[in-house]
Amino acid sequence: MIVETRSSFILKLNARTAYFVISLIALICGAAIYPLFRGSDLLVWKVLPMPGFWEMLWIDWDKSNGFLSVLVYSAPDFLWLLSGICLLRAVWLLEQKTQNLYILGLYIIAAGYNAGQFLGIIPGTFCYIDLLTMMSVALTEGIIYRVFINKEIKT
C-alpha cells in the first residue's frame, strides 16, 4: 500500500489548479484579442450580426509593426492551443497515457486546421508564423511539463 504524503498531495493539487488557471487565462487572452485589435471584417460577422459596441472596443494599431502583427494574428491560435493543452493536463494530471493521447489529438486538430487553411478547405489565411508559434508554445509547454511538473509528481 502506497501512502501519499501531505506535501505530495498539495503539490499535485497546486499543479492541477495552476494548469486550470493558466488554461482560463490563455483562453480569455486569446478571445480578448479579437474585440481589442481586430476590425469589423472578421469572418464571424458574415454569419452573425456584429454587436454595436464592437467598434468602440477596437484599438487602432500600426499594421507595419511586426511584433504587433504576430500578436494580433497568431496569438489567438497559440493561446487557444495552450489553453487546451493546460486544460487537458489539469484534467488528466496523473494519467500520463490518457493525457498524452488527448494532447496528441489536440495537436492533430490544430495542425489540421492550418492544413485546411493551406488547402483552402477551411476559411482563413494560412500563415507559417501561426504554425511556428503554435509549435513553439506546444514544445515549450511540453519541456516545462517534463522537466518541472512530471518529475515532481512522480516523486
C-alpha atoms as a PDB file:
ATOM      1  CA  MET A   1       0.000   0.000   0.000  1.00  0.00           C
ATOM      2  CA  ILE A   2       1.407   3.373  -1.034  1.00  0.00           C
ATOM      3  CA  VAL A   3       0.718   6.245   1.319  1.00  0.00           C
ATOM      4  CA  GLU A   4       0.775   9.658  -0.287  1.00  0.00           C
ATOM      5  CA  THR A   5       2.471  12.309   1.791  1.00  0.00           C
ATOM      6  CA  ARG A   6       0.737  15.589   2.512  1.00  0.00           C
ATOM      7  CA  SER A   7       3.349  17.587   0.564  1.00  0.00           C
ATOM      8  CA  SER A   8       2.952  15.298  -2.469  1.00  0.00           C
ATOM      9  CA  PHE A   9      -0.823  15.723  -2.370  1.00  0.00           C
ATOM     10  CA  ILE A  10      -0.510  19.516  -2.102  1.00  0.00           C
ATOM     11  CA  LEU A  11       1.978  19.613  -4.989  1.00  0.00           C
ATOM     12  CA  LYS A  12      -0.421  17.684  -7.226  1.00  0.00           C
ATOM     13  CA  LEU A  13      -3.352  19.877  -6.188  1.00  0.00           C
ATOM     14  CA  ASN A  14      -1.329  23.047  -6.809  1.00  0.00           C
ATOM     15  CA  ALA A  15      -0.149  21.803 -10.219  1.00  0.00           C
ATOM     16  CA  ARG A  16      -3.709  20.939 -11.236  1.00  0.00           C
ATOM     17  CA  THR A  17      -5.010  24.317 -10.035  1.00  0.00           C
ATOM     18  CA  ALA A  18      -2.198  26.168 -11.788  1.00  0.00           C
ATOM     19  CA  TYR A  19      -2.951  24.366 -15.052  1.00  0.00           C
ATOM     20  CA  PHE A  20      -6.650  25.263 -14.772  1.00  0.00           C
ATOM     21  CA  VAL A  21      -5.810  28.921 -14.099  1.00  0.00           C
ATOM     22  CA  ILE A  22      -3.303  29.101 -16.981  1.00  0.00           C
ATOM     23  CA  SER A  23      -5.861  27.474 -19.271  1.00  0.00           C
ATOM     24  CA  LEU A  24      -8.516  30.025 -18.350  1.00  0.00           C
ATOM     25  CA  ILE A  25      -6.145  32.996 -18.691  1.00  0.00           C
ATOM     26  CA  ALA A  26      -4.894  31.817 -22.099  1.00  0.00           C
ATOM     27  CA  LEU A  27      -8.474  31.311 -23.307  1.00  0.00           C
ATOM     28  CA  ILE A  28      -9.567  34.771 -22.146  1.00  0.00           C
ATOM     29  CA  CYS A  29      -6.479  36.469 -23.613  1.00  0.00           C
ATOM     30  CA  GLY A  30      -6.913  34.656 -26.939  1.00  0.00           C
ATOM     31  CA  ALA A  31     -10.556  35.721 -27.114  1.00  0.00           C
ATOM     32  CA  ALA A  32      -9.839  39.302 -25.972  1.00  0.00           C
ATOM     33  CA  ILE A  33      -7.526  39.969 -28.906  1.00  0.00           C
ATOM     34  CA  TYR A  34     -10.464  39.989 -31.322  1.00  0.00           C
ATOM     35  CA  PRO A  35     -12.520  42.842 -29.857  1.00  0.00           C
ATOM     36  CA  LEU A  36      -9.408  44.834 -28.975  1.00  0.00           C
ATOM     37  CA  PHE A  37      -7.318  44.587 -32.136  1.00  0.00           C
ATOM     38  CA  ARG A  38      -9.353  43.123 -34.969  1.00  0.00           C
ATOM     39  CA  GLY A  39     -11.678  45.200 -37.096  1.00  0.00           C
ATOM     40  CA  SER A  40     -15.187  44.546 -38.269  1.00  0.00           C
ATOM     41  CA  ASP A  41     -14.011  42.476 -41.271  1.00  0.00           C
ATOM     42  CA  LEU A  42     -13.890  39.174 -39.364  1.00  0.00           C
ATOM     43  CA  LEU A  43     -15.450  36.096 -40.921  1.00  0.00           C
ATOM     44  CA  VAL A  44     -17.801  35.675 -37.958  1.00  0.00           C
ATOM     45  CA  TRP A  45     -19.632  38.904 -38.874  1.00  0.00           C
ATOM     46  CA  LYS A  46     -20.624  37.377 -42.201  1.00  0.00           C
ATOM     47  CA  VAL A  47     -22.589  34.776 -40.227  1.00  0.00           C
ATOM     48  CA  LEU A  48     -23.650  36.614 -37.072  1.00  0.00           C
ATOM     49  CA  PRO A  49     -24.760  40.225 -36.679  1.00  0.00           C
ATOM     50  CA  MET A  50     -21.995  42.457 -35.333  1.00  0.00           C
ATOM     51  CA  PRO A  51     -22.864  43.959 -31.921  1.00  0.00           C
ATOM     52  CA  GLY A  52     -22.992  47.747 -31.796  1.00  0.00           C
ATOM     53  CA  PHE A  53     -20.333  48.018 -29.088  1.00  0.00           C
ATOM     54  CA  TRP A  54     -17.721  46.154 -31.181  1.00  0.00           C
ATOM     55  CA  GLU A  55     -16.281  49.234 -32.881  1.00  0.00           C
ATOM     56  CA  MET A  56     -15.973  51.031 -29.532  1.00  0.00           C
ATOM     57  CA  LEU A  57     -13.649  48.328 -28.177  1.00  0.00           C
ATOM     58  CA  TRP A  58     -11.374  48.170 -31.206  1.00  0.00           C
ATOM     59  CA  ILE A  59      -7.850  49.657 -30.804  1.00  0.00           C
ATOM     60  CA  ASP A  60      -6.296  51.116 -33.940  1.00  0.00           C
ATOM     61  CA  TRP A  61      -2.722  49.871 -34.292  1.00  0.00           C
ATOM     62  CA  ASP A  62       0.210  50.224 -36.676  1.00  0.00           C
ATOM     63  CA  LYS A  63      -0.076  47.224 -39.010  1.00  0.00           C
ATOM     64  CA  SER A  64       3.540  47.629 -40.144  1.00  0.00           C
ATOM     65  CA  ASN A  65       4.749  46.696 -36.643  1.00  0.00           C
ATOM     66  CA  GLY A  66       5.924  43.084 -36.942  1.00  0.00           C
ATOM     67  CA  PHE A  67       5.574  42.205 -33.261  1.00  0.00           C
ATOM     68  CA  LEU A  68       2.010  43.524 -33.063  1.00  0.00           C
ATOM     69  CA  SER A  69       1.123  41.670 -36.260  1.00  0.00           C
ATOM     70  CA  VAL A  70       2.249  38.398 -34.705  1.00  0.00           C
ATOM     71  CA  LEU A  71       0.383  39.274 -31.511  1.00  0.00           C
ATOM     72  CA  VAL A  72      -2.847  40.162 -33.282  1.00  0.00           C
ATOM     73  CA  TYR A  73      -2.916  37.452 -35.935  1.00  0.00           C
ATOM     74  CA  SER A  74      -1.011  34.494 -34.464  1.00  0.00           C
ATOM     75  CA  ALA A  75      -1.518  34.845 -30.718  1.00  0.00           C
ATOM     76  CA  PRO A  76      -5.156  33.674 -30.651  1.00  0.00           C
ATOM     77  CA  ASP A  77      -4.164  30.376 -32.285  1.00  0.00           C
ATOM     78  CA  PHE A  78      -1.301  29.589 -29.936  1.00  0.00           C
ATOM     79  CA  LEU A  79      -3.167  30.871 -26.872  1.00  0.00           C
ATOM     80  CA  TRP A  80      -6.120  28.600 -27.633  1.00  0.00           C
ATOM     81  CA  LEU A  81      -3.746  25.685 -28.176  1.00  0.00           C
ATOM     82  CA  LEU A  82      -2.018  26.474 -24.876  1.00  0.00           C
ATOM     83  CA  SER A  83      -5.399  26.718 -23.175  1.00  0.00           C
ATOM     84  CA  GLY A  84      -6.419  23.310 -24.472  1.00  0.00           C
ATOM     85  CA  ILE A  85      -3.120  21.694 -23.520  1.00  0.00           C
ATOM     86  CA  CYS A  86      -3.250  23.122 -19.997  1.00  0.00           C
ATOM     87  CA  LEU A  87      -6.872  22.068 -19.559  1.00  0.00           C
ATOM     88  CA  LEU A  88      -6.043  18.514 -20.627  1.00  0.00           C
ATOM     89  CA  ARG A  89      -3.011  18.456 -18.320  1.00  0.00           C
ATOM     90  CA  ALA A  90      -5.165  19.633 -15.411  1.00  0.00           C
ATOM     91  CA  VAL A  91      -7.915  17.088 -16.002  1.00  0.00           C
ATOM     92  CA  TRP A  92      -5.593  14.107 -16.538  1.00  0.00           C
ATOM     93  CA  LEU A  93      -2.606  15.221 -14.479  1.00  0.00           C
ATOM     94  CA  LEU A  94      -1.882  11.793 -13.045  1.00  0.00           C
ATOM     95  CA  GLU A  95      -2.949   9.681 -16.027  1.00  0.00           C
ATOM     96  CA  GLN A  96       0.002  10.059 -18.374  1.00  0.00           C
ATOM     97  CA  LYS A  97      -1.206   7.831 -21.228  1.00  0.00           C
ATOM     98  CA  THR A  98      -4.679   9.380 -21.391  1.00  0.00           C
ATOM     99  CA  GLN A  99      -3.207  12.859 -21.152  1.00  0.00           C
ATOM    100  CA  ASN A 100      -0.756  12.194 -23.981  1.00  0.00           C
ATOM    101  CA  LEU A 101      -3.467  10.719 -26.198  1.00  0.00           C
ATOM    102  CA  TYR A 102      -5.767  13.712 -25.827  1.00  0.00           C
ATOM    103  CA  ILE A 103      -2.953  16.235 -26.240  1.00  0.00           C
ATOM    104  CA  LEU A 104      -1.812  14.436 -29.404  1.00  0.00           C
ATOM    105  CA  GLY A 105      -5.397  14.690 -30.663  1.00  0.00           C
ATOM    106  CA  LEU A 106      -5.363  18.417 -29.917  1.00  0.00           C
ATOM    107  CA  TYR A 107      -2.086  18.802 -31.855  1.00  0.00           C
ATOM    108  CA  ILE A 108      -3.616  16.945 -34.809  1.00  0.00           C
ATOM    109  CA  ILE A 109      -6.691  19.204 -34.756  1.00  0.00           C
ATOM    110  CA  ALA A 110      -4.511  22.340 -34.640  1.00  0.00           C
ATOM    111  CA  ALA A 111      -2.286  21.104 -37.472  1.00  0.00           C
ATOM    112  CA  GLY A 112      -5.356  20.016 -39.436  1.00  0.00           C
ATOM    113  CA  TYR A 113      -6.873  23.450 -39.030  1.00  0.00           C
ATOM    114  CA  ASN A 114      -3.751  25.047 -40.502  1.00  0.00           C
ATOM    115  CA  ALA A 115      -3.520  22.425 -43.247  1.00  0.00           C
ATOM    116  CA  GLY A 116      -7.190  23.077 -44.075  1.00  0.00           C
ATOM    117  CA  GLN A 117      -6.435  26.784 -44.431  1.00  0.00           C
ATOM    118  CA  PHE A 118      -3.432  25.991 -46.614  1.00  0.00           C
ATOM    119  CA  LEU A 119      -5.536  23.750 -48.872  1.00  0.00           C
ATOM    120  CA  GLY A 120      -8.428  26.227 -48.976  1.00  0.00           C
ATOM    121  CA  ILE A 121     -10.858  23.827 -47.270  1.00  0.00           C
ATOM    122  CA  ILE A 122     -11.200  25.942 -44.112  1.00  0.00           C
ATOM    123  CA  PRO A 123     -11.787  29.692 -44.435  1.00  0.00           C
ATOM    124  CA  GLY A 124      -8.914  31.819 -43.226  1.00  0.00           C
ATOM    125  CA  THR A 125      -5.431  32.804 -44.181  1.00  0.00           C
ATOM    126  CA  PHE A 126      -2.674  30.222 -43.829  1.00  0.00           C
ATOM    127  CA  CYS A 127       0.457  31.623 -42.240  1.00  0.00           C
ATOM    128  CA  TYR A 128       3.709  29.868 -41.441  1.00  0.00           C
ATOM    129  CA  ILE A 129       4.092  32.113 -38.401  1.00  0.00           C
ATOM    130  CA  ASP A 130       0.835  30.714 -36.971  1.00  0.00           C
ATOM    131  CA  LEU A 131       2.183  27.212 -37.358  1.00  0.00           C
ATOM    132  CA  LEU A 132       5.576  28.179 -35.942  1.00  0.00           C
ATOM    133  CA  THR A 133       4.119  29.926 -32.880  1.00  0.00           C
ATOM    134  CA  MET A 134       1.761  27.021 -32.194  1.00  0.00           C
ATOM    135  CA  MET A 135       4.619  24.514 -32.434  1.00  0.00           C
ATOM    136  CA  SER A 136       6.791  26.731 -30.226  1.00  0.00           C
ATOM    137  CA  VAL A 137       4.208  27.065 -27.474  1.00  0.00           C
ATOM    138  CA  ALA A 138       3.473  23.333 -27.570  1.00  0.00           C
ATOM    139  CA  LEU A 139       7.170  22.471 -27.394  1.00  0.00           C
ATOM    140  CA  THR A 140       7.843  24.967 -24.603  1.00  0.00           C
ATOM    141  CA  GLU A 141       4.899  23.749 -22.544  1.00  0.00           C
ATOM    142  CA  GLY A 142       5.957  20.136 -23.078  1.00  0.00           C
ATOM    143  CA  ILE A 143       9.511  20.842 -21.934  1.00  0.00           C
ATOM    144  CA  ILE A 144       8.296  22.717 -18.852  1.00  0.00           C
ATOM    145  CA  TYR A 145       5.934  19.860 -18.023  1.00  0.00           C
ATOM    146  CA  ARG A 146       8.584  17.154 -18.442  1.00  0.00           C
ATOM    147  CA  VAL A 147      11.362  18.976 -16.600  1.00  0.00           C
ATOM    148  CA  PHE A 148       9.460  20.557 -13.724  1.00  0.00           C
ATOM    149  CA  ILE A 149       5.973  19.122 -13.244  1.00  0.00           C
ATOM    150  CA  ASN A 150       6.149  15.458 -14.268  1.00  0.00           C
ATOM    151  CA  LYS A 151       9.354  14.844 -12.344  1.00  0.00           C
ATOM    152  CA  GLU A 152       7.883  16.312  -9.151  1.00  0.00           C
ATOM    153  CA  ILE A 153       4.551  14.493  -9.462  1.00  0.00           C
ATOM    154  CA  LYS A 154       6.188  11.081  -9.854  1.00  0.00           C
ATOM    155  CA  THR A 155       8.269  11.504  -6.693  1.00  0.00           C
END
